[in-house]
Amino acid sequence: MKNYLVLAAVGVLLAATSMSYAEWSGAATIRDESFYVPSSGLTLGAWGSEWGGSEGWVIAEPFQLNLEYQAGIDDEDIANLNTYLYPANSAFPDDHTDGTWQKNFSDNDEYVLNIDTSGNLPLYEHGTGELTGQTSSDIQWTLSGWQQTVLAGDVIQQGAITTLRVLPAATYRPFPNDPPVNNVEIFDGQVACEVVAYTFNGTVDQIAKGSTLEAELVPEPGAVMALVGIGLMTALAILYRRRRNGP
């Protein structure tokens, strides 16, 4: 998604022309949009390095990574990144036929996943390089491309299940926007995303070329409210029984 290093001038020209943009329908969440494609897992290829120098397993297939609608960012701008202006899915609106990408990170081969449970993995910022003084023991995995770490976090091992948790929780680290490196990441700071973690059915030392990590997503607001409602009803039922039966 970030191969505008060579085509920057072309990107500026396209942005100034009649390129169509994903339109926000007034939906409450990204999941209510007709063009919603769930954030996907990661399939790992061979060990290698990306353009900016970060090493790791090269992501072998295009992947989807959605941002959430959130305060301070126009919903249209979130929709534009989530669809990357190139909807190919039949669920997209009819007037969005200006591309053929099915996932918004179609330049997957420029992204690498690095894991080191000892922590303190380097973080990268496009145009700056490796960031100094910003790592910690919690940075045990990173997803980086075009010299930008977009996701990072810690590793949790529970039995035979490995969880790569995103830290801060469900947070995407956008490319710098001054100047912007493309025509969709026009915001800055840390941004709420849909991915809470990636999980692997195995121990962390078994992760290798050919492994698939499944995406664990932020619960839908409706599902959260339903769980809260069920919990409240259960608590009230217990309280009612206690009052009825006595202490």
C-alpha atoms as a PDB file:
ATOM      1  CA  MET A   1       0.000   0.000   0.000  1.00  0.00           C
ATOM      2  CA  LYS A   2       2.934   2.311   0.434  1.00  0.00           C
ATOM      3  CA  ASN A   3       4.739   2.022  -2.885  1.00  0.00           C
ATOM      4  CA  TYR A   4       4.476   5.762  -3.534  1.00  0.00           C
ATOM      5  CA  LEU A   5       8.158   6.294  -2.879  1.00  0.00           C
ATOM      6  CA  VAL A   6       8.764   5.953  -6.597  1.00  0.00           C
ATOM      7  CA  LEU A   7       5.321   7.090  -7.745  1.00  0.00           C
ATOM      8  CA  ALA A   8       4.864  10.099  -5.454  1.00  0.00           C
ATOM      9  CA  ALA A   9       4.316  12.495  -8.347  1.00  0.00           C
ATOM     10  CA  VAL A  10       1.748  10.161  -9.877  1.00  0.00           C
ATOM     11  CA  GLY A  11      -0.047   9.920  -6.518  1.00  0.00           C
ATOM     12  CA  VAL A  12      -0.286  13.693  -6.265  1.00  0.00           C
ATOM     13  CA  LEU A  13      -1.663  13.868  -9.793  1.00  0.00           C
ATOM     14  CA  LEU A  14      -4.289  11.215  -9.103  1.00  0.00           C
ATOM     15  CA  ALA A  15      -5.314  12.905  -5.880  1.00  0.00           C
ATOM     16  CA  ALA A  16      -5.965  16.075  -7.819  1.00  0.00           C
ATOM     17  CA  THR A  17      -8.127  14.375 -10.430  1.00  0.00           C
ATOM     18  CA  SER A  18     -11.518  12.687 -10.294  1.00  0.00           C
ATOM     19  CA  MET A  19     -10.482   9.614  -8.289  1.00  0.00           C
ATOM     20  CA  SER A  20     -13.555   8.258  -6.516  1.00  0.00           C
ATOM     21  CA  TYR A  21     -13.614   8.029  -2.756  1.00  0.00           C
ATOM     22  CA  ALA A  22     -15.375   5.618  -0.448  1.00  0.00           C
ATOM     23  CA  GLU A  23     -18.450   7.349   0.865  1.00  0.00           C
ATOM     24  CA  TRP A  24     -19.540   7.070   4.459  1.00  0.00           C
ATOM     25  CA  SER A  25     -23.139   5.911   4.628  1.00  0.00           C
ATOM     26  CA  GLY A  26     -23.829   7.186   8.126  1.00  0.00           C
ATOM     27  CA  ALA A  27     -23.197   3.745   9.573  1.00  0.00           C
ATOM     28  CA  ALA A  28     -22.450   3.559  13.269  1.00  0.00           C
ATOM     29  CA  THR A  29     -19.370   1.361  12.795  1.00  0.00           C
ATOM     30  CA  ILE A  30     -17.160   0.213   9.942  1.00  0.00           C
ATOM     31  CA  ARG A  31     -18.898  -3.187  10.139  1.00  0.00           C
ATOM     32  CA  ASP A  32     -22.181  -1.636   9.042  1.00  0.00           C
ATOM     33  CA  GLU A  33     -20.745  -0.450   5.738  1.00  0.00           C
ATOM     34  CA  SER A  34     -21.593  -2.282   2.512  1.00  0.00           C
ATOM     35  CA  PHE A  35     -17.909  -2.235   1.595  1.00  0.00           C
ATOM     36  CA  TYR A  36     -16.700  -3.724   4.905  1.00  0.00           C
ATOM     37  CA  VAL A  37     -14.075  -6.464   4.607  1.00  0.00           C
ATOM     38  CA  PRO A  38     -12.955  -7.886   7.984  1.00  0.00           C
ATOM     39  CA  SER A  39      -9.327  -7.456   8.952  1.00  0.00           C
ATOM     40  CA  SER A  40      -7.549 -10.632   7.967  1.00  0.00           C
ATOM     41  CA  GLY A  41      -4.806 -12.832   9.334  1.00  0.00           C
ATOM     42  CA  LEU A  42      -1.199 -12.999   8.156  1.00  0.00           C
ATOM     43  CA  THR A  43       0.472 -15.736   6.119  1.00  0.00           C
ATOM     44  CA  LEU A  44       4.235 -15.842   6.549  1.00  0.00           C
ATOM     45  CA  GLY A  45       6.750 -16.320   3.780  1.00  0.00           C
ATOM     46  CA  ALA A  46      10.522 -16.623   3.922  1.00  0.00           C
ATOM     47  CA  TRP A  47      12.695 -14.562   6.265  1.00  0.00           C
ATOM     48  CA  GLY A  48      13.818 -11.361   4.629  1.00  0.00           C
ATOM     49  CA  SER A  49      13.933  -7.581   4.942  1.00  0.00           C
ATOM     50  CA  GLU A  50      11.713  -4.768   3.754  1.00  0.00           C
ATOM     51  CA  TRP A  51      12.673  -1.536   1.995  1.00  0.00           C
ATOM     52  CA  GLY A  52      13.437   0.283   5.228  1.00  0.00           C
ATOM     53  CA  GLY A  53      15.730  -2.405   6.584  1.00  0.00           C
ATOM     54  CA  SER A  54      13.473  -4.110   9.137  1.00  0.00           C
ATOM     55  CA  GLU A  55      13.882  -7.896   9.117  1.00  0.00           C
ATOM     56  CA  GLY A  56      11.287 -10.619   9.617  1.00  0.00           C
ATOM     57  CA  TRP A  57       9.082 -13.118   7.831  1.00  0.00           C
ATOM     58  CA  VAL A  58       7.797 -11.509   4.661  1.00  0.00           C
ATOM     59  CA  ILE A  59       3.996 -11.438   4.554  1.00  0.00           C
ATOM     60  CA  ALA A  60       3.164 -13.847   1.744  1.00  0.00           C
ATOM     61  CA  GLU A  61      -0.373 -12.732   0.848  1.00  0.00           C
ATOM     62  CA  PRO A  62      -2.331  -9.452   0.722  1.00  0.00           C
ATOM     63  CA  PHE A  63      -3.984  -8.663   4.039  1.00  0.00           C
ATOM     64  CA  GLN A  64      -6.738  -6.395   5.327  1.00  0.00           C
ATOM     65  CA  LEU A  65      -6.134  -4.067   8.264  1.00  0.00           C
ATOM     66  CA  ASN A  66      -9.049  -1.803   9.143  1.00  0.00           C
ATOM     67  CA  LEU A  67      -9.173   1.365  11.184  1.00  0.00           C
ATOM     68  CA  GLU A  68     -12.218   2.127  13.323  1.00  0.00           C
ATOM     69  CA  TYR A  69     -14.417   5.197  13.028  1.00  0.00           C
ATOM     70  CA  GLN A  70     -13.209   7.447  15.830  1.00  0.00           C
ATOM     71  CA  ALA A  71     -13.256  10.963  17.206  1.00  0.00           C
ATOM     72  CA  GLY A  72     -10.949  13.451  15.525  1.00  0.00           C
ATOM     73  CA  ILE A  73     -10.825  11.705  12.130  1.00  0.00           C
ATOM     74  CA  ASP A  74     -13.396  12.066   9.374  1.00  0.00           C
ATOM     75  CA  ASP A  75     -15.254   8.812   8.761  1.00  0.00           C
ATOM     76  CA  GLU A  76     -14.652   9.262   5.040  1.00  0.00           C
ATOM     77  CA  ASP A  77     -10.900   9.258   5.637  1.00  0.00           C
ATOM     78  CA  ILE A  78     -11.187   6.006   7.605  1.00  0.00           C
ATOM     79  CA  ALA A  79     -13.302   4.468   4.828  1.00  0.00           C
ATOM     80  CA  ASN A  80     -10.750   5.528   2.227  1.00  0.00           C
ATOM     81  CA  LEU A  81      -7.942   3.693   4.005  1.00  0.00           C
ATOM     82  CA  ASN A  82     -10.056   0.617   4.710  1.00  0.00           C
ATOM     83  CA  THR A  83     -10.985   0.279   1.031  1.00  0.00           C
ATOM     84  CA  TYR A  84      -7.792   1.929  -0.210  1.00  0.00           C
ATOM     85  CA  LEU A  85      -9.887   3.544  -2.930  1.00  0.00           C
ATOM     86  CA  TYR A  86      -9.688   0.367  -5.001  1.00  0.00           C
ATOM     87  CA  PRO A  87     -12.671  -1.823  -4.120  1.00  0.00           C
ATOM     88  CA  ALA A  88     -12.817  -5.127  -5.996  1.00  0.00           C
ATOM     89  CA  ASN A  89     -15.303  -6.937  -3.761  1.00  0.00           C
ATOM     90  CA  SER A  90     -18.779  -7.306  -5.256  1.00  0.00           C
ATOM     91  CA  ALA A  91     -20.190  -5.821  -2.051  1.00  0.00           C
ATOM     92  CA  PHE A  92     -18.667  -2.430  -2.841  1.00  0.00           C
ATOM     93  CA  PRO A  93     -20.900   0.307  -4.263  1.00  0.00           C
ATOM     94  CA  ASP A  94     -21.318   0.144  -8.044  1.00  0.00           C
ATOM     95  CA  ASP A  95     -19.498   3.418  -8.666  1.00  0.00           C
ATOM     96  CA  HIS A  96     -16.324   2.148  -7.011  1.00  0.00           C
ATOM     97  CA  THR A  97     -14.669   0.360  -9.899  1.00  0.00           C
ATOM     98  CA  ASP A  98     -11.370   2.196 -10.117  1.00  0.00           C
ATOM     99  CA  GLY A  99      -9.114  -0.671  -9.106  1.00  0.00           C
ATOM    100  CA  THR A 100      -8.711  -4.397  -8.604  1.00  0.00           C
ATOM    101  CA  TRP A 101      -7.301  -4.822  -5.074  1.00  0.00           C
ATOM    102  CA  GLN A 102      -9.259  -7.090  -2.759  1.00  0.00           C
ATOM    103  CA  LYS A 103      -7.259  -6.241   0.385  1.00  0.00           C
ATOM    104  CA  ASN A 104      -6.060  -2.788   1.392  1.00  0.00           C
ATOM    105  CA  PHE A 105      -2.493  -3.985   2.034  1.00  0.00           C
ATOM    106  CA  SER A 106      -1.808  -5.469  -1.388  1.00  0.00           C
ATOM    107  CA  ASP A 107       1.904  -4.687  -1.207  1.00  0.00           C
ATOM    108  CA  ASN A 108       2.220  -7.427   1.400  1.00  0.00           C
ATOM    109  CA  ASP A 109       5.668  -8.436   0.184  1.00  0.00           C
ATOM    110  CA  GLU A 110       6.997  -5.150   1.557  1.00  0.00           C
ATOM    111  CA  TYR A 111       5.842  -5.993   5.101  1.00  0.00           C
ATOM    112  CA  VAL A 112       7.664  -8.239   7.543  1.00  0.00           C
ATOM    113  CA  LEU A 113       6.731  -9.760  10.890  1.00  0.00           C
ATOM    114  CA  ASN A 114       9.501  -9.908  13.464  1.00  0.00           C
ATOM    115  CA  ILE A 115       9.247 -11.729  16.817  1.00  0.00           C
ATOM    116  CA  ASP A 116      11.709 -11.693  19.713  1.00  0.00           C
ATOM    117  CA  THR A 117      10.293 -12.627  23.122  1.00  0.00           C
ATOM    118  CA  SER A 118      13.253 -10.995  24.855  1.00  0.00           C
ATOM    119  CA  GLY A 119      11.699  -7.669  23.852  1.00  0.00           C
ATOM    120  CA  ASN A 120      13.069  -4.293  22.821  1.00  0.00           C
ATOM    121  CA  LEU A 121      12.552  -4.872  19.109  1.00  0.00           C
ATOM    122  CA  PRO A 122      13.285  -1.735  17.071  1.00  0.00           C
ATOM    123  CA  LEU A 123      10.434   0.483  15.924  1.00  0.00           C
ATOM    124  CA  TYR A 124      10.647   2.277  12.580  1.00  0.00           C
ATOM    125  CA  GLU A 125       9.185   5.528  11.253  1.00  0.00           C
ATOM    126  CA  HIS A 126       9.096   6.212   7.545  1.00  0.00           C
ATOM    127  CA  GLY A 127      11.619   8.884   6.613  1.00  0.00           C
ATOM    128  CA  THR A 128      13.281   8.740  10.029  1.00  0.00           C
ATOM    129  CA  GLY A 129      14.437   5.163  10.294  1.00  0.00           C
ATOM    130  CA  GLU A 130      14.882   3.289  13.536  1.00  0.00           C
ATOM    131  CA  LEU A 131      13.408   5.201  16.463  1.00  0.00           C
ATOM    132  CA  THR A 132      15.635   5.505  19.505  1.00  0.00           C
ATOM    133  CA  GLY A 133      14.504   5.593  23.104  1.00  0.00           C
ATOM    134  CA  GLN A 134      11.013   4.307  22.304  1.00  0.00           C
ATOM    135  CA  THR A 135      11.373   0.553  22.708  1.00  0.00           C
ATOM    136  CA  SER A 136      10.574  -1.488  25.814  1.00  0.00           C
ATOM    137  CA  SER A 137      10.487  -5.080  26.971  1.00  0.00           C
ATOM    138  CA  ASP A 138       6.843  -5.143  25.782  1.00  0.00           C
ATOM    139  CA  ILE A 139       7.874  -4.751  22.144  1.00  0.00           C
ATOM    140  CA  GLN A 140       8.240  -8.454  21.374  1.00  0.00           C
ATOM    141  CA  TRP A 141       6.819  -8.400  17.854  1.00  0.00           C
ATOM    142  CA  THR A 142       6.465  -5.847  15.083  1.00  0.00           C
ATOM    143  CA  LEU A 143       4.782  -5.593  11.699  1.00  0.00           C
ATOM    144  CA  SER A 144       6.746  -3.162   9.536  1.00  0.00           C
ATOM    145  CA  GLY A 145       6.868  -2.086   5.915  1.00  0.00           C
ATOM    146  CA  TRP A 146       8.357   0.815   3.951  1.00  0.00           C
ATOM    147  CA  GLN A 147      10.398   1.708   7.047  1.00  0.00           C
ATOM    148  CA  GLN A 148       7.243   2.090   9.152  1.00  0.00           C
ATOM    149  CA  THR A 149       6.161  -0.089  12.074  1.00  0.00           C
ATOM    150  CA  VAL A 150       2.370  -0.185  11.754  1.00  0.00           C
ATOM    151  CA  LEU A 151       1.663  -2.664  14.579  1.00  0.00           C
ATOM    152  CA  ALA A 152       3.652  -3.771  17.611  1.00  0.00           C
ATOM    153  CA  GLY A 153       3.071  -5.509  20.895  1.00  0.00           C
ATOM    154  CA  ASP A 154       3.879  -8.360  23.257  1.00  0.00           C
ATOM    155  CA  VAL A 155       3.673 -12.151  23.068  1.00  0.00           C
ATOM    156  CA  ILE A 156       1.421 -14.207  25.338  1.00  0.00           C
ATOM    157  CA  GLN A 157       1.842 -17.981  25.501  1.00  0.00           C
ATOM    158  CA  GLN A 158      -1.099 -19.940  26.887  1.00  0.00           C
ATOM    159  CA  GLY A 159      -0.570 -23.645  26.453  1.00  0.00           C
ATOM    160  CA  ALA A 160      -0.223 -24.345  22.744  1.00  0.00           C
ATOM    161  CA  ILE A 161      -1.757 -21.023  21.695  1.00  0.00           C
ATOM    162  CA  THR A 162       0.435 -18.011  20.952  1.00  0.00           C
ATOM    163  CA  THR A 163      -1.100 -14.535  21.005  1.00  0.00           C
ATOM    164  CA  LEU A 164       0.623 -11.525  19.506  1.00  0.00           C
ATOM    165  CA  ARG A 165      -1.192  -8.750  21.335  1.00  0.00           C
ATOM    166  CA  VAL A 166      -1.330  -5.274  19.798  1.00  0.00           C
ATOM    167  CA  LEU A 167      -0.045  -2.542  22.126  1.00  0.00           C
ATOM    168  CA  PRO A 168      -1.298   0.001  22.908  1.00  0.00           C
ATOM    169  CA  ALA A 169      -4.517  -2.012  22.697  1.00  0.00           C
ATOM    170  CA  ALA A 170      -5.876  -2.179  19.130  1.00  0.00           C
ATOM    171  CA  THR A 171      -3.632   0.662  17.966  1.00  0.00           C
ATOM    172  CA  TYR A 172      -2.376   1.309  14.433  1.00  0.00           C
ATOM    173  CA  ARG A 173       0.739   3.413  13.949  1.00  0.00           C
ATOM    174  CA  PRO A 174       0.164   5.478  10.798  1.00  0.00           C
ATOM    175  CA  PHE A 175       2.760   6.686   8.346  1.00  0.00           C
ATOM    176  CA  PRO A 176       3.834  10.312   8.877  1.00  0.00           C
ATOM    177  CA  ASN A 177       1.496  12.772   7.188  1.00  0.00           C
ATOM    178  CA  ASP A 178       3.812  15.754   6.858  1.00  0.00           C
ATOM    179  CA  PRO A 179       4.166  15.352   3.984  1.00  0.00           C
ATOM    180  CA  PRO A 180       1.816  12.386   3.468  1.00  0.00           C
ATOM    181  CA  VAL A 181       3.343   9.316   1.853  1.00  0.00           C
ATOM    182  CA  ASN A 182       0.112   8.438   0.087  1.00  0.00           C
ATOM    183  CA  ASN A 183      -3.374   9.835  -0.395  1.00  0.00           C
ATOM    184  CA  VAL A 184      -5.178   7.915   2.341  1.00  0.00           C
ATOM    185  CA  GLU A 185      -3.027   8.166   5.479  1.00  0.00           C
ATOM    186  CA  ILE A 186      -3.582  11.841   6.093  1.00  0.00           C
ATOM    187  CA  PHE A 187      -3.871  11.666   9.884  1.00  0.00           C
ATOM    188  CA  ASP A 188      -1.245  11.349  12.573  1.00  0.00           C
ATOM    189  CA  GLY A 189      -0.795   9.998  16.079  1.00  0.00           C
ATOM    190  CA  GLN A 190      -1.812   6.514  17.146  1.00  0.00           C
ATOM    191  CA  VAL A 191      -5.104   5.404  15.644  1.00  0.00           C
ATOM    192  CA  ALA A 192      -7.678   2.870  16.841  1.00  0.00           C
ATOM    193  CA  CYS A 193      -7.805  -0.213  14.626  1.00  0.00           C
ATOM    194  CA  GLU A 194      -9.875  -3.381  14.415  1.00  0.00           C
ATOM    195  CA  VAL A 195      -7.115  -5.861  15.252  1.00  0.00           C
ATOM    196  CA  VAL A 196      -6.637  -6.690  18.933  1.00  0.00           C
ATOM    197  CA  ALA A 197      -4.132  -9.489  18.320  1.00  0.00           C
ATOM    198  CA  TYR A 198      -2.942 -12.223  16.012  1.00  0.00           C
ATOM    199  CA  THR A 199      -3.132 -15.801  17.253  1.00  0.00           C
ATOM    200  CA  PHE A 200      -1.192 -18.894  16.249  1.00  0.00           C
ATOM    201  CA  ASN A 201      -2.130 -22.483  16.964  1.00  0.00           C
ATOM    202  CA  GLY A 202       1.228 -23.543  18.343  1.00  0.00           C
ATOM    203  CA  THR A 203       4.104 -22.295  20.456  1.00  0.00           C
ATOM    204  CA  VAL A 204       5.966 -19.157  19.505  1.00  0.00           C
ATOM    205  CA  ASP A 205       9.081 -21.120  18.511  1.00  0.00           C
ATOM    206  CA  GLN A 206       6.984 -23.018  15.954  1.00  0.00           C
ATOM    207  CA  ILE A 207       6.132 -19.859  14.015  1.00  0.00           C
ATOM    208  CA  ALA A 208       7.997 -20.044  10.723  1.00  0.00           C
ATOM    209  CA  LYS A 209       7.660 -19.812   6.955  1.00  0.00           C
ATOM    210  CA  GLY A 210       4.223 -21.081   5.956  1.00  0.00           C
ATOM    211  CA  SER A 211       2.605 -20.282   9.315  1.00  0.00           C
ATOM    212  CA  THR A 212      -0.772 -18.563   9.382  1.00  0.00           C
ATOM    213  CA  LEU A 213      -1.735 -16.159  12.149  1.00  0.00           C
ATOM    214  CA  GLU A 214      -5.441 -15.475  12.631  1.00  0.00           C
ATOM    215  CA  ALA A 215      -6.690 -11.967  13.368  1.00  0.00           C
ATOM    216  CA  GLU A 216      -8.530 -11.399  16.625  1.00  0.00           C
ATOM    217  CA  LEU A 217     -10.854  -8.427  16.162  1.00  0.00           C
ATOM    218  CA  VAL A 218     -12.383  -5.826  18.433  1.00  0.00           C
ATOM    219  CA  PRO A 219     -15.842  -7.073  19.488  1.00  0.00           C
ATOM    220  CA  GLU A 220     -18.716  -5.393  17.699  1.00  0.00           C
ATOM    221  CA  PRO A 221     -20.460  -2.827  19.918  1.00  0.00           C
ATOM    222  CA  GLY A 222     -23.698  -4.797  19.666  1.00  0.00           C
ATOM    223  CA  ALA A 223     -21.991  -7.958  20.841  1.00  0.00           C
ATOM    224  CA  VAL A 224     -20.394  -6.127  23.757  1.00  0.00           C
ATOM    225  CA  MET A 225     -23.740  -4.664  24.807  1.00  0.00           C
ATOM    226  CA  ALA A 226     -25.345  -8.087  24.513  1.00  0.00           C
ATOM    227  CA  LEU A 227     -22.690  -9.579  26.808  1.00  0.00           C
ATOM    228  CA  VAL A 228     -23.144  -6.729  29.261  1.00  0.00           C
ATOM    229  CA  GLY A 229     -26.909  -7.267  29.145  1.00  0.00           C
ATOM    230  CA  ILE A 230     -26.573 -10.997  29.735  1.00  0.00           C
ATOM    231  CA  GLY A 231     -24.212 -10.371  32.640  1.00  0.00           C
ATOM    232  CA  LEU A 232     -26.588  -7.823  34.172  1.00  0.00           C
ATOM    233  CA  MET A 233     -29.605 -10.138  33.803  1.00  0.00           C
ATOM    234  CA  THR A 234     -27.649 -12.997  35.380  1.00  0.00           C
ATOM    235  CA  ALA A 235     -26.612 -10.815  38.314  1.00  0.00           C
ATOM    236  CA  LEU A 236     -30.177  -9.625  38.852  1.00  0.00           C
ATOM    237  CA  ALA A 237     -31.470 -13.207  38.708  1.00  0.00           C
ATOM    238  CA  ILE A 238     -28.934 -14.296  41.337  1.00  0.00           C
ATOM    239  CA  LEU A 239     -29.829 -11.335  43.541  1.00  0.00           C
ATOM    240  CA  TYR A 240     -33.548 -12.117  43.161  1.00  0.00           C
ATOM    241  CA  ARG A 241     -33.023 -15.763  44.150  1.00  0.00           C
ATOM    242  CA  ARG A 242     -30.964 -14.755  47.172  1.00  0.00           C
ATOM    243  CA  ARG A 243     -33.622 -12.334  48.352  1.00  0.00           C
ATOM    244  CA  ARG A 244     -36.339 -14.888  47.791  1.00  0.00           C
ATOM    245  CA  ASN A 245     -34.556 -17.745  49.521  1.00  0.00           C
ATOM    246  CA  GLY A 246     -32.915 -15.696  52.228  1.00  0.00           C
ATOM    247  CA  PRO A 247     -29.237 -15.564  53.182  1.00  0.00           C
END
